[in-house]
PDB file of all heavy atoms in Angstrom:
ATOM      1  N   CYS A   1      -6.860  -2.807   2.322  1.00  0.00           N
ATOM      2  CA  CYS A   1      -5.964  -2.675   3.451  1.00  0.00           C
ATOM      3  C   CYS A   1      -4.585  -2.075   2.870  1.00  0.00           C
ATOM      4  O   CYS A   1      -4.084  -2.353   1.944  1.00  0.00           O
ATOM      5  CB  CYS A   1      -5.601  -4.056   4.081  1.00  0.00           C
ATOM      6  SG  CYS A   1      -6.974  -4.835   4.852  1.00  0.00           S
ATOM      7  N   LYS A   2      -4.288  -1.059   3.721  1.00  0.00           N
ATOM      8  CA  LYS A   2      -2.972  -0.300   3.367  1.00  0.00           C
ATOM      9  C   LYS A   2      -1.814  -0.670   4.275  1.00  0.00           C
ATOM     10  O   LYS A   2      -0.669  -0.372   3.957  1.00  0.00           O
ATOM     11  CB  LYS A   2      -3.229   1.250   3.317  1.00  0.00           C
ATOM     12  CG  LYS A   2      -4.210   1.615   2.211  1.00  0.00           C
ATOM     13  CD  LYS A   2      -4.310   3.083   2.197  1.00  0.00           C
ATOM     14  CE  LYS A   2      -5.179   3.442   0.985  1.00  0.00           C
ATOM     15  NZ  LYS A   2      -6.210   4.320   1.154  1.00  0.00           N
ATOM     16  N   THR A   3      -2.042  -1.263   5.402  1.00  0.00           N
ATOM     17  CA  THR A   3      -1.090  -1.498   6.397  1.00  0.00           C
ATOM     18  C   THR A   3      -1.322  -2.887   6.948  1.00  0.00           C
ATOM     19  O   THR A   3      -2.303  -3.488   6.840  1.00  0.00           O
ATOM     20  CB  THR A   3      -1.169  -0.559   7.624  1.00  0.00           C
ATOM     21  OG1 THR A   3      -2.347  -0.723   8.348  1.00  0.00           O
ATOM     22  CG2 THR A   3      -0.998   0.826   7.178  1.00  0.00           C
ATOM     23  N   ILE A   4      -0.339  -3.320   7.681  1.00  0.00           N
ATOM     24  CA  ILE A   4      -0.290  -4.817   8.110  1.00  0.00           C
ATOM     25  C   ILE A   4      -1.345  -4.794   9.221  1.00  0.00           C
ATOM     26  O   ILE A   4      -2.088  -5.710   9.583  1.00  0.00           O
ATOM     27  CB  ILE A   4       1.099  -5.266   8.747  1.00  0.00           C
ATOM     28  CG1 ILE A   4       1.922  -5.455   7.482  1.00  0.00           C
ATOM     29  CG2 ILE A   4       0.981  -6.353   9.516  1.00  0.00           C
ATOM     30  CD1 ILE A   4       3.485  -5.651   7.811  1.00  0.00           C
ATOM     31  N   GLU A   5      -1.394  -3.630  10.055  1.00  0.00           N
ATOM     32  CA  GLU A   5      -2.277  -3.501  11.074  1.00  0.00           C
ATOM     33  C   GLU A   5      -3.750  -3.615  10.608  1.00  0.00           C
ATOM     34  O   GLU A   5      -4.523  -4.164  11.370  1.00  0.00           O
ATOM     35  CB  GLU A   5      -2.133  -2.225  12.070  1.00  0.00           C
ATOM     36  CG  GLU A   5      -0.910  -2.141  12.727  1.00  0.00           C
ATOM     37  CD  GLU A   5       0.496  -1.929  11.665  1.00  0.00           C
ATOM     38  OE1 GLU A   5       0.238  -1.165  10.767  1.00  0.00           O
ATOM     39  OE2 GLU A   5       1.506  -2.330  12.224  1.00  0.00           O
ATOM     40  N   GLU A   6      -4.064  -2.931   9.500  1.00  0.00           N
ATOM     41  CA  GLU A   6      -5.418  -3.037   8.993  1.00  0.00           C
ATOM     42  C   GLU A   6      -5.764  -4.498   8.556  1.00  0.00           C
ATOM     43  O   GLU A   6      -6.883  -5.012   8.719  1.00  0.00           O
ATOM     44  CB  GLU A   6      -5.521  -2.093   7.751  1.00  0.00           C
ATOM     45  CG  GLU A   6      -5.646  -0.723   8.019  1.00  0.00           C
ATOM     46  CD  GLU A   6      -5.666   0.247   6.886  1.00  0.00           C
ATOM     47  OE1 GLU A   6      -5.831  -0.291   5.703  1.00  0.00           O
ATOM     48  OE2 GLU A   6      -5.726   1.459   7.040  1.00  0.00           O
ATOM     49  N   CYS A   7      -4.709  -5.197   8.041  1.00  0.00           N
ATOM     50  CA  CYS A   7      -4.820  -6.528   7.731  1.00  0.00           C
ATOM     51  C   CYS A   7      -5.220  -7.418   8.847  1.00  0.00           C
ATOM     52  O   CYS A   7      -6.161  -8.260   8.964  1.00  0.00           O
ATOM     53  CB  CYS A   7      -3.668  -7.061   6.926  1.00  0.00           C
ATOM     54  SG  CYS A   7      -3.413  -6.375   5.265  1.00  0.00           S
ATOM     55  N   LYS A   8      -4.543  -7.228   9.938  1.00  0.00           N
ATOM     56  CA  LYS A   8      -4.514  -8.065  11.121  1.00  0.00           C
ATOM     57  C   LYS A   8      -5.999  -7.711  11.763  1.00  0.00           C
ATOM     58  O   LYS A   8      -6.783  -8.701  12.194  1.00  0.00           O
ATOM     59  CB  LYS A   8      -3.602  -7.487  12.206  1.00  0.00           C
ATOM     60  CG  LYS A   8      -2.222  -8.133  11.923  1.00  0.00           C
ATOM     61  CD  LYS A   8      -1.176  -7.765  12.981  1.00  0.00           C
ATOM     62  CE  LYS A   8       0.158  -8.211  12.578  1.00  0.00           C
ATOM     63  NZ  LYS A   8       1.279  -7.777  13.579  1.00  0.00           N
ATOM     64  N   GLU A   9      -6.510  -6.497  11.837  1.00  0.00           N
ATOM     65  CA  GLU A   9      -7.797  -6.198  12.317  1.00  0.00           C
ATOM     66  C   GLU A   9      -9.023  -6.798  11.581  1.00  0.00           C
ATOM     67  O   GLU A   9      -9.854  -7.456  12.023  1.00  0.00           O
ATOM     68  CB  GLU A   9      -7.941  -4.687  12.407  1.00  0.00           C
ATOM     69  CG  GLU A   9      -7.131  -3.886  13.456  1.00  0.00           C
ATOM     70  CD  GLU A   9      -7.359  -2.375  13.382  1.00  0.00           C
ATOM     71  OE1 GLU A   9      -8.379  -1.965  12.916  1.00  0.00           O
ATOM     72  OE2 GLU A   9      -6.432  -1.721  13.854  1.00  0.00           O
ATOM     73  N   LEU A  10      -8.820  -6.584  10.140  1.00  0.00           N
ATOM     74  CA  LEU A  10      -9.763  -7.325   9.296  1.00  0.00           C
ATOM     75  C   LEU A  10      -9.770  -8.807   9.394  1.00  0.00           C
ATOM     76  O   LEU A  10     -10.830  -9.473   9.459  1.00  0.00           O
ATOM     77  CB  LEU A  10      -9.531  -6.972   7.898  1.00  0.00           C
ATOM     78  CG  LEU A  10     -10.572  -7.573   6.808  1.00  0.00           C
ATOM     79  CD1 LEU A  10     -11.955  -7.080   7.258  1.00  0.00           C
ATOM     80  CD2 LEU A  10     -10.193  -6.989   5.418  1.00  0.00           C
ATOM     81  N   TYR A  11      -8.568  -9.471   9.513  1.00  0.00           N
ATOM     82  CA  TYR A  11      -8.553 -10.827   9.629  1.00  0.00           C
ATOM     83  C   TYR A  11      -9.115 -11.394  10.965  1.00  0.00           C
ATOM     84  O   TYR A  11     -10.012 -12.336  10.834  1.00  0.00           O
ATOM     85  CB  TYR A  11      -7.010 -11.345   9.746  1.00  0.00           C
ATOM     86  CG  TYR A  11      -6.889 -12.820  10.119  1.00  0.00           C
ATOM     87  CD1 TYR A  11      -7.057 -13.801   9.081  1.00  0.00           C
ATOM     88  CD2 TYR A  11      -6.558 -13.164  11.316  1.00  0.00           C
ATOM     89  CE1 TYR A  11      -6.905 -15.179   9.424  1.00  0.00           C
ATOM     90  CE2 TYR A  11      -6.398 -14.433  11.771  1.00  0.00           C
ATOM     91  CZ  TYR A  11      -6.610 -15.535  10.683  1.00  0.00           C
ATOM     92  OH  TYR A  11      -6.612 -16.811  11.025  1.00  0.00           O
ATOM     93  N   LYS A  12      -8.971 -10.689  12.021  1.00  0.00           N
ATOM     94  CA  LYS A  12      -9.718 -10.945  13.244  1.00  0.00           C
ATOM     95  C   LYS A  12     -11.211 -10.951  13.238  1.00  0.00           C
ATOM     96  O   LYS A  12     -11.913 -11.840  13.676  1.00  0.00           O
ATOM     97  CB  LYS A  12      -9.213 -10.095  14.443  1.00  0.00           C
ATOM     98  CG  LYS A  12      -7.690 -10.448  14.791  1.00  0.00           C
ATOM     99  CD  LYS A  12      -7.336  -9.452  15.909  1.00  0.00           C
ATOM    100  CE  LYS A  12      -5.845  -9.555  16.245  1.00  0.00           C
ATOM    101  NZ  LYS A  12      -5.367  -8.565  17.269  1.00  0.00           N
ATOM    102  N   ARG A  13     -11.628  -9.901  12.534  1.00  0.00           N
ATOM    103  CA  ARG A  13     -13.091  -9.741  12.415  1.00  0.00           C
ATOM    104  C   ARG A  13     -13.654 -10.776  11.430  1.00  0.00           C
ATOM    105  O   ARG A  13     -14.672 -11.453  11.704  1.00  0.00           O
ATOM    106  CB  ARG A  13     -13.413  -8.381  11.639  1.00  0.00           C
ATOM    107  CG  ARG A  13     -13.327  -7.179  12.686  1.00  0.00           C
ATOM    108  CD  ARG A  13     -14.102  -5.997  12.103  1.00  0.00           C
ATOM    109  NE  ARG A  13     -13.955  -5.620  10.774  1.00  0.00           N
ATOM    110  CZ  ARG A  13     -13.079  -4.789  10.146  1.00  0.00           C
ATOM    111  NH1 ARG A  13     -12.224  -4.215  11.171  1.00  0.00           N
ATOM    112  NH2 ARG A  13     -12.858  -4.546   8.906  1.00  0.00           N
ATOM    113  N   LEU A  14     -12.946 -11.214  10.382  1.00  0.00           N
ATOM    114  CA  LEU A  14     -13.427 -12.238   9.402  1.00  0.00           C
ATOM    115  C   LEU A  14     -13.427 -13.578  10.037  1.00  0.00           C
ATOM    116  O   LEU A  14     -14.249 -14.413   9.889  1.00  0.00           O
ATOM    117  CB  LEU A  14     -12.516 -12.277   8.109  1.00  0.00           C
ATOM    118  CG  LEU A  14     -12.779 -10.936   7.210  1.00  0.00           C
ATOM    119  CD1 LEU A  14     -11.714 -10.943   6.024  1.00  0.00           C
ATOM    120  CD2 LEU A  14     -14.162 -10.869   6.696  1.00  0.00           C
ATOM    121  N   ALA A  15     -12.307 -13.740  10.781  1.00  0.00           N
ATOM    122  CA  ALA A  15     -12.212 -15.111  11.509  1.00  0.00           C
ATOM    123  C   ALA A  15     -13.289 -15.437  12.374  1.00  0.00           C
ATOM    124  O   ALA A  15     -13.736 -16.594  12.624  1.00  0.00           O
ATOM    125  CB  ALA A  15     -10.933 -15.173  12.203  1.00  0.00           C
ATOM    126  N   LYS A  16     -13.800 -14.402  12.987  1.00  0.00           N
ATOM    127  CA  LYS A  16     -14.864 -14.613  14.030  1.00  0.00           C
ATOM    128  C   LYS A  16     -16.172 -15.224  13.324  1.00  0.00           C
ATOM    129  O   LYS A  16     -16.926 -15.807  14.065  1.00  0.00           O
ATOM    130  CB  LYS A  16     -15.323 -13.254  14.754  1.00  0.00           C
ATOM    131  CG  LYS A  16     -14.170 -12.892  15.765  1.00  0.00           C
ATOM    132  CD  LYS A  16     -14.568 -11.594  16.320  1.00  0.00           C
ATOM    133  CE  LYS A  16     -13.471 -11.121  17.346  1.00  0.00           C
ATOM    134  NZ  LYS A  16     -13.665  -9.814  17.876  1.00  0.00           N
ATOM    135  N   THR A  17     -16.314 -14.903  12.118  1.00  0.00           N
ATOM    136  CA  THR A  17     -17.479 -15.418  11.409  1.00  0.00           C
ATOM    137  C   THR A  17     -17.131 -16.501  10.427  1.00  0.00           C
ATOM    138  O   THR A  17     -18.046 -17.350  10.091  1.00  0.00           O
ATOM    139  CB  THR A  17     -18.228 -14.301  10.616  1.00  0.00           C
ATOM    140  OG1 THR A  17     -17.366 -13.664   9.639  1.00  0.00           O
ATOM    141  CG2 THR A  17     -18.732 -13.255  11.654  1.00  0.00           C
ATOM    142  N   MET A  18     -15.975 -16.572   9.883  1.00  0.00           N
ATOM    143  CA  MET A  18     -15.666 -17.481   8.787  1.00  0.00           C
ATOM    144  C   MET A  18     -14.947 -18.729   9.226  1.00  0.00           C
ATOM    145  O   MET A  18     -14.866 -19.765   8.583  1.00  0.00           O
ATOM    146  CB  MET A  18     -14.658 -16.804   7.756  1.00  0.00           C
ATOM    147  CG  MET A  18     -15.323 -15.715   7.095  1.00  0.00           C
ATOM    148  SD  MET A  18     -14.133 -14.958   5.702  1.00  0.00           S
ATOM    149  CE  MET A  18     -14.219 -16.243   4.449  1.00  0.00           C
ATOM    150  N   HIS A  19     -14.446 -18.750  10.536  1.00  0.00           N
ATOM    151  CA  HIS A  19     -13.781 -19.968  11.025  1.00  0.00           C
ATOM    152  C   HIS A  19     -14.735 -21.205  11.157  1.00  0.00           C
ATOM    153  O   HIS A  19     -15.949 -20.963  11.477  1.00  0.00           O
ATOM    154  CB  HIS A  19     -13.176 -19.770  12.452  1.00  0.00           C
ATOM    155  CG  HIS A  19     -12.217 -20.717  12.823  1.00  0.00           C
ATOM    156  ND1 HIS A  19     -12.575 -21.939  13.228  1.00  0.00           N
ATOM    157  CD2 HIS A  19     -10.845 -20.707  12.790  1.00  0.00           C
ATOM    158  CE1 HIS A  19     -11.604 -22.651  13.609  1.00  0.00           C
ATOM    159  NE2 HIS A  19     -10.463 -22.008  13.214  1.00  0.00           N
ATOM    160  N   PRO A  20     -14.302 -22.269  10.744  1.00  0.00           N
ATOM    161  CA  PRO A  20     -15.336 -23.350  10.763  1.00  0.00           C
ATOM    162  C   PRO A  20     -15.828 -23.701  12.251  1.00  0.00           C
ATOM    163  O   PRO A  20     -16.988 -24.171  12.224  1.00  0.00           O
ATOM    164  CB  PRO A  20     -14.352 -24.703  10.247  1.00  0.00           C
ATOM    165  CG  PRO A  20     -13.191 -24.025   9.490  1.00  0.00           C
ATOM    166  CD  PRO A  20     -12.984 -22.581  10.228  1.00  0.00           C
ATOM    167  N   ASP A  21     -15.153 -23.395  13.232  1.00  0.00           N
ATOM    168  CA  ASP A  21     -15.631 -23.729  14.571  1.00  0.00           C
ATOM    169  C   ASP A  21     -16.817 -22.511  14.897  1.00  0.00           C
ATOM    170  O   ASP A  21     -17.458 -22.661  15.919  1.00  0.00           O
ATOM    171  CB  ASP A  21     -14.582 -23.372  15.514  1.00  0.00           C
ATOM    172  CG  ASP A  21     -13.530 -24.598  15.463  1.00  0.00           C
ATOM    173  OD1 ASP A  21     -13.882 -25.663  14.868  1.00  0.00           O
ATOM    174  OD2 ASP A  21     -12.379 -24.316  16.124  1.00  0.00           O
ATOM    175  N   MET A  22     -16.832 -21.507  14.082  1.00  0.00           N
ATOM    176  CA  MET A  22     -17.839 -20.514  14.291  1.00  0.00           C
ATOM    177  C   MET A  22     -18.903 -20.589  13.184  1.00  0.00           C
ATOM    178  O   MET A  22     -19.796 -19.689  13.043  1.00  0.00           O
ATOM    179  CB  MET A  22     -17.207 -19.004  14.088  1.00  0.00           C
ATOM    180  CG  MET A  22     -16.118 -18.856  15.089  1.00  0.00           C
ATOM    181  SD  MET A  22     -16.640 -19.118  16.862  1.00  0.00           S
ATOM    182  CE  MET A  22     -17.346 -17.471  17.140  1.00  0.00           C
ATOM    183  N   GLY A  23     -19.094 -21.785  12.527  1.00  0.00           N
ATOM    184  CA  GLY A  23     -20.053 -21.950  11.497  1.00  0.00           C
ATOM    185  C   GLY A  23     -19.764 -21.731  10.002  1.00  0.00           C
ATOM    186  O   GLY A  23     -20.566 -21.742   9.072  1.00  0.00           O
ATOM    187  N   GLY A  24     -18.367 -21.231   9.917  1.00  0.00           N
ATOM    188  CA  GLY A  24     -18.034 -20.958   8.489  1.00  0.00           C
ATOM    189  C   GLY A  24     -17.550 -22.148   7.806  1.00  0.00           C
ATOM    190  O   GLY A  24     -17.406 -23.270   8.311  1.00  0.00           O
ATOM    191  N   SER A  25     -17.320 -21.955   6.532  1.00  0.00           N
ATOM    192  CA  SER A  25     -16.883 -22.967   5.605  1.00  0.00           C
ATOM    193  C   SER A  25     -15.270 -23.053   5.737  1.00  0.00           C
ATOM    194  O   SER A  25     -14.515 -22.130   5.713  1.00  0.00           O
ATOM    195  CB  SER A  25     -17.247 -22.593   4.214  1.00  0.00           C
ATOM    196  OG  SER A  25     -16.290 -23.280   3.276  1.00  0.00           O
ATOM    197  N   THR A  26     -14.823 -24.401   5.742  1.00  0.00           N
ATOM    198  CA  THR A  26     -13.435 -24.603   5.949  1.00  0.00           C
ATOM    199  C   THR A  26     -12.711 -24.030   4.579  1.00  0.00           C
ATOM    200  O   THR A  26     -11.626 -23.404   4.693  1.00  0.00           O
ATOM    201  CB  THR A  26     -13.075 -26.135   5.879  1.00  0.00           C
ATOM    202  OG1 THR A  26     -13.762 -26.551   7.128  1.00  0.00           O
ATOM    203  CG2 THR A  26     -11.606 -26.409   5.941  1.00  0.00           C
ATOM    204  N   ASP A  27     -13.303 -24.221   3.444  1.00  0.00           N
ATOM    205  CA  ASP A  27     -12.714 -23.710   2.184  1.00  0.00           C
ATOM    206  C   ASP A  27     -12.566 -22.202   2.185  1.00  0.00           C
ATOM    207  O   ASP A  27     -11.662 -21.620   1.684  1.00  0.00           O
ATOM    208  CB  ASP A  27     -13.527 -24.263   1.027  1.00  0.00           C
ATOM    209  CG  ASP A  27     -13.237 -25.815   0.829  1.00  0.00           C
ATOM    210  OD1 ASP A  27     -12.246 -26.364   1.247  1.00  0.00           O
ATOM    211  OD2 ASP A  27     -14.078 -26.406   0.107  1.00  0.00           O
ATOM    212  N   ASP A  28     -13.725 -21.618   2.596  1.00  0.00           N
ATOM    213  CA  ASP A  28     -13.750 -20.155   2.536  1.00  0.00           C
ATOM    214  C   ASP A  28     -12.819 -19.531   3.591  1.00  0.00           C
ATOM    215  O   ASP A  28     -12.086 -18.630   3.157  1.00  0.00           O
ATOM    216  CB  ASP A  28     -15.167 -19.553   2.828  1.00  0.00           C
ATOM    217  CG  ASP A  28     -16.193 -19.854   1.760  1.00  0.00           C
ATOM    218  OD1 ASP A  28     -15.808 -20.113   0.700  1.00  0.00           O
ATOM    219  OD2 ASP A  28     -17.451 -19.762   2.067  1.00  0.00           O
ATOM    220  N   PHE A  29     -12.764 -20.118   4.709  1.00  0.00           N
ATOM    221  CA  PHE A  29     -11.695 -19.681   5.667  1.00  0.00           C
ATOM    222  C   PHE A  29     -10.264 -19.853   5.251  1.00  0.00           C
ATOM    223  O   PHE A  29      -9.489 -18.926   5.402  1.00  0.00           O
ATOM    224  CB  PHE A  29     -11.878 -20.408   6.979  1.00  0.00           C
ATOM    225  CG  PHE A  29     -10.948 -19.863   8.074  1.00  0.00           C
ATOM    226  CD1 PHE A  29     -11.124 -18.670   8.752  1.00  0.00           C
ATOM    227  CD2 PHE A  29      -9.746 -20.666   8.425  1.00  0.00           C
ATOM    228  CE1 PHE A  29     -10.113 -18.200   9.714  1.00  0.00           C
ATOM    229  CE2 PHE A  29      -8.865 -20.190   9.320  1.00  0.00           C
ATOM    230  CZ  PHE A  29      -9.126 -18.942   9.949  1.00  0.00           C
ATOM    231  N   GLN A  30     -10.059 -20.976   4.527  1.00  0.00           N
ATOM    232  CA  GLN A  30      -8.677 -21.343   4.065  1.00  0.00           C
ATOM    233  C   GLN A  30      -8.273 -20.295   2.949  1.00  0.00           C
ATOM    234  O   GLN A  30      -7.258 -19.677   2.967  1.00  0.00           O
ATOM    235  CB  GLN A  30      -8.505 -22.651   3.550  1.00  0.00           C
ATOM    236  CG  GLN A  30      -7.161 -23.146   3.261  1.00  0.00           C
ATOM    237  CD  GLN A  30      -6.228 -23.150   4.380  1.00  0.00           C
ATOM    238  OE1 GLN A  30      -6.531 -23.665   5.349  1.00  0.00           O
ATOM    239  NE2 GLN A  30      -5.037 -22.454   4.299  1.00  0.00           N
ATOM    240  N   ALA A  31      -9.247 -19.988   2.169  1.00  0.00           N
ATOM    241  CA  ALA A  31      -9.039 -19.047   0.957  1.00  0.00           C
ATOM    242  C   ALA A  31      -8.756 -17.519   1.646  1.00  0.00           C
ATOM    243  O   ALA A  31      -7.783 -16.865   1.211  1.00  0.00           O
ATOM    244  CB  ALA A  31     -10.167 -18.940   0.142  1.00  0.00           C
ATOM    245  N   MET A  32      -9.579 -17.170   2.649  1.00  0.00           N
ATOM    246  CA  MET A  32      -9.292 -15.948   3.267  1.00  0.00           C
ATOM    247  C   MET A  32      -7.923 -15.882   3.993  1.00  0.00           C
ATOM    248  O   MET A  32      -7.162 -14.998   3.929  1.00  0.00           O
ATOM    249  CB  MET A  32     -10.314 -15.644   4.271  1.00  0.00           C
ATOM    250  CG  MET A  32     -10.392 -14.403   4.990  1.00  0.00           C
ATOM    251  SD  MET A  32      -9.340 -14.305   6.577  1.00  0.00           S
ATOM    252  CE  MET A  32     -10.276 -15.296   7.701  1.00  0.00           C
ATOM    253  N   PHE A  33      -7.575 -17.033   4.747  1.00  0.00           N
ATOM    254  CA  PHE A  33      -6.363 -17.177   5.435  1.00  0.00           C
ATOM    255  C   PHE A  33      -5.134 -16.961   4.443  1.00  0.00           C
ATOM    256  O   PHE A  33      -4.070 -16.334   4.694  1.00  0.00           O
ATOM    257  CB  PHE A  33      -6.313 -18.393   6.305  1.00  0.00           C
ATOM    258  CG  PHE A  33      -5.089 -18.512   7.122  1.00  0.00           C
ATOM    259  CD1 PHE A  33      -4.699 -17.734   8.103  1.00  0.00           C
ATOM    260  CD2 PHE A  33      -4.028 -19.437   6.598  1.00  0.00           C
ATOM    261  CE1 PHE A  33      -3.358 -17.895   8.930  1.00  0.00           C
ATOM    262  CE2 PHE A  33      -2.756 -19.568   7.228  1.00  0.00           C
ATOM    263  CZ  PHE A  33      -2.498 -18.861   8.373  1.00  0.00           C
ATOM    264  N   ASP A  34      -5.269 -17.739   3.327  1.00  0.00           N
ATOM    265  CA  ASP A  34      -4.136 -17.723   2.284  1.00  0.00           C
ATOM    266  C   ASP A  34      -3.964 -16.363   1.795  1.00  0.00           C
ATOM    267  O   ASP A  34      -2.768 -15.953   1.583  1.00  0.00           O
ATOM    268  CB  ASP A  34      -4.525 -18.732   1.262  1.00  0.00           C
ATOM    269  CG  ASP A  34      -4.366 -20.111   1.575  1.00  0.00           C
ATOM    270  OD1 ASP A  34      -3.970 -20.415   2.608  1.00  0.00           O
ATOM    271  OD2 ASP A  34      -4.964 -21.053   0.936  1.00  0.00           O
TER     272      ASP A  34
END
């Protein structure tokens, strides 16, 4: 990612699959969020 906007877009895409409510792991989601 080169811009904050790219980071936000990627975060939204990743959150859709990595969030614990979407079947992802809490640890993996927390690492990605951090």
